[in-house]
Protein backbone atom coordinates (compact mmCIF):
# COMPACT_ATOMS: atom_id res chain seq x y z
CA GLU A 1 23.42 -5.33 -2.69
CA LEU A 2 20.22 -6.53 -1.09
CA PRO A 3 17.67 -3.71 -0.81
CA PHE A 4 16.99 -4.15 2.91
CA ALA A 5 20.39 -5.33 4.08
CA PRO A 6 22.79 -3.27 6.18
CA PRO A 7 26.13 -2.32 4.67
CA ARG A 8 28.17 -5.43 4.03
CA GLU A 9 30.86 -6.40 6.48
CA GLU A 10 33.99 -8.20 5.44
CA GLY A 11 33.98 -11.90 6.26
CA GLU A 12 36.61 -14.54 5.63
CA GLY A 13 38.25 -14.10 2.24
CA GLY A 14 37.01 -10.51 1.93
CA GLY A 15 33.37 -11.42 1.17
CA ALA A 16 30.29 -10.37 3.07
CA LYS A 17 29.22 -12.28 6.14
CA GLU A 18 26.36 -14.10 4.43
CA CYS A 19 24.48 -15.03 7.59
CA ASP A 20 24.42 -11.36 8.73
CA VAL A 21 23.02 -10.21 5.39
CA GLU A 22 20.39 -12.94 5.31
CA ALA A 23 19.38 -12.30 8.93
CA ALA A 24 18.97 -8.57 8.26
CA THR A 25 16.92 -9.24 5.13
CA ASP A 26 14.72 -11.76 6.97
CA ALA A 27 14.14 -9.26 9.80
CA ALA A 28 13.18 -6.49 7.35
CA VAL A 29 10.77 -8.76 5.47
CA LEU A 30 9.10 -9.97 8.67
CA ALA A 31 8.81 -6.37 9.98
CA HIS A 32 7.22 -5.06 6.76
CA PRO A 33 3.60 -3.99 7.37
CA GLY A 34 2.41 -5.44 4.06
CA GLY A 35 0.96 -4.02 0.89
CA VAL A 36 2.90 -2.16 -1.75
CA PRO A 37 6.17 -0.83 -0.28
CA LEU A 38 5.92 2.92 0.32
CA ARG A 39 8.93 3.67 -1.84
CA CYS A 40 7.08 2.06 -4.78
CA ALA A 41 3.60 3.42 -4.06
CA PRO A 42 3.85 6.64 -6.14
CA ALA A 43 4.87 4.61 -9.21
CA VAL A 44 2.00 2.13 -8.82
CA PRO A 45 -1.26 3.54 -10.21
CA ALA A 46 -4.36 3.02 -8.10
CA GLY A 47 -6.86 0.57 -9.48
CA ALA A 48 -7.59 -3.09 -9.94
CA ALA A 49 -3.97 -4.15 -10.55
CA SER A 50 -2.60 -2.38 -7.46
CA ASP A 51 -5.51 -3.76 -5.39
CA LEU A 52 -4.63 -7.26 -6.58
CA VAL A 53 -0.94 -6.82 -5.75
CA ALA A 54 -1.72 -5.37 -2.32
CA SER A 55 -4.07 -8.26 -1.50
CA LEU A 56 -1.43 -10.79 -2.58
CA LEU A 57 1.18 -9.02 -0.42
CA GLU A 58 -0.99 -9.22 2.71
CA PRO A 59 1.41 -10.28 5.50
CA ASP A 60 -1.21 -12.37 7.32
CA PRO A 61 -1.35 -15.62 5.31
CA ALA A 62 -4.92 -16.33 6.43
CA ALA A 63 -6.10 -12.91 5.17
CA ARG A 64 -4.20 -13.09 1.87
CA LEU A 65 -6.25 -13.21 -1.34
CA GLY A 66 -6.85 -16.83 -2.27
CA ALA A 67 -5.98 -18.25 1.15
CA ALA A 68 -9.53 -19.35 1.91
CA ASP A 69 -10.56 -19.95 -1.70
CA PRO A 70 -8.01 -20.04 -4.54
CA ALA A 71 -10.80 -19.16 -6.99
CA ALA A 72 -10.83 -15.69 -5.39
CA VAL A 73 -7.61 -14.88 -7.27
CA ARG A 74 -9.28 -15.63 -10.61
CA ALA A 75 -12.34 -13.62 -9.54
CA ALA A 76 -10.32 -10.50 -8.62
CA SER A 77 -11.46 -7.57 -10.78
CA TRP A 78 -8.13 -7.29 -12.62
CA MET A 79 -8.24 -11.01 -13.53
CA ALA A 80 -12.00 -11.42 -14.00
CA GLU A 81 -12.05 -10.90 -17.78
CA LEU A 82 -9.16 -13.27 -18.48
CA ASP A 83 -10.14 -16.34 -20.50
CA TRP A 84 -8.73 -18.90 -18.09
CA ALA A 85 -9.60 -21.91 -20.27
CA ALA A 86 -7.69 -20.41 -23.22
CA LEU A 87 -4.77 -19.55 -20.93
CA GLU A 88 -4.60 -23.10 -19.61
CA ALA A 89 -4.84 -24.45 -23.18
CA HIS A 90 -1.94 -22.15 -24.22
CA SER A 91 -4.11 -20.72 -26.97
CA LEU A 92 -4.10 -17.03 -25.99
CA PRO A 93 -1.99 -14.80 -28.22
CA PRO A 94 0.90 -13.15 -26.39
CA PRO A 95 0.10 -9.62 -25.20
CA HIS A 96 3.34 -8.30 -26.69
CA VAL A 97 5.83 -9.74 -29.16
CA PRO A 98 9.08 -7.77 -29.20
CA PRO A 99 10.73 -7.13 -32.54
CA PRO A 100 13.57 -9.50 -33.42
CA LEU A 101 17.05 -8.44 -32.36
CA ASP A 102 19.71 -7.71 -34.92
CA ALA A 103 22.69 -10.08 -34.88
CA ASP A 104 24.95 -7.77 -32.81
CA ALA A 105 22.32 -7.17 -30.13
CA ASP A 106 21.51 -10.89 -30.01
CA VAL A 107 25.16 -11.82 -29.45
CA ALA A 108 25.53 -9.10 -26.80
CA LEU A 109 22.38 -10.31 -24.99
CA CYS A 110 23.62 -13.91 -25.04
CA GLU A 111 26.96 -12.82 -23.59
CA LEU A 112 25.27 -10.74 -20.88
CA THR A 113 23.01 -13.68 -20.00
CA LYS A 114 26.04 -15.99 -19.66
CA ARG A 115 27.78 -13.49 -17.37
CA CYS A 116 24.69 -13.01 -15.21
CA GLN A 117 24.07 -16.74 -14.85
CA SER A 118 27.68 -17.72 -14.23
CA GLY A 119 27.21 -17.20 -10.49
CA PHE A 120 24.43 -19.79 -10.48
CA ASP A 121 26.29 -22.63 -12.19
């Protein structure tokens, strides 16, 4: 289900009326006041990261961070200490490397991935 869509109605063949769902989602997105959605706000800690996200979610494109000067995104306090040259050169170490999966988990993950992507083929 789409998070902002009304309950699905049956269309031809028993599926949802796609245009109704898309229209409802578009209307909800365009009506959103901007910033971090209220239902997410308690889970998002205040600080540089949430300020960055809120400024990127600004509904007015002209007022959005980086609209007037793309360098403003790099200068945002949460991004300011990032070594951009090393990032662009692909020489930064990854911030987290998960442990390898055992064979059973790897097979299960591959199967799940195939099932999830089958609708996109």
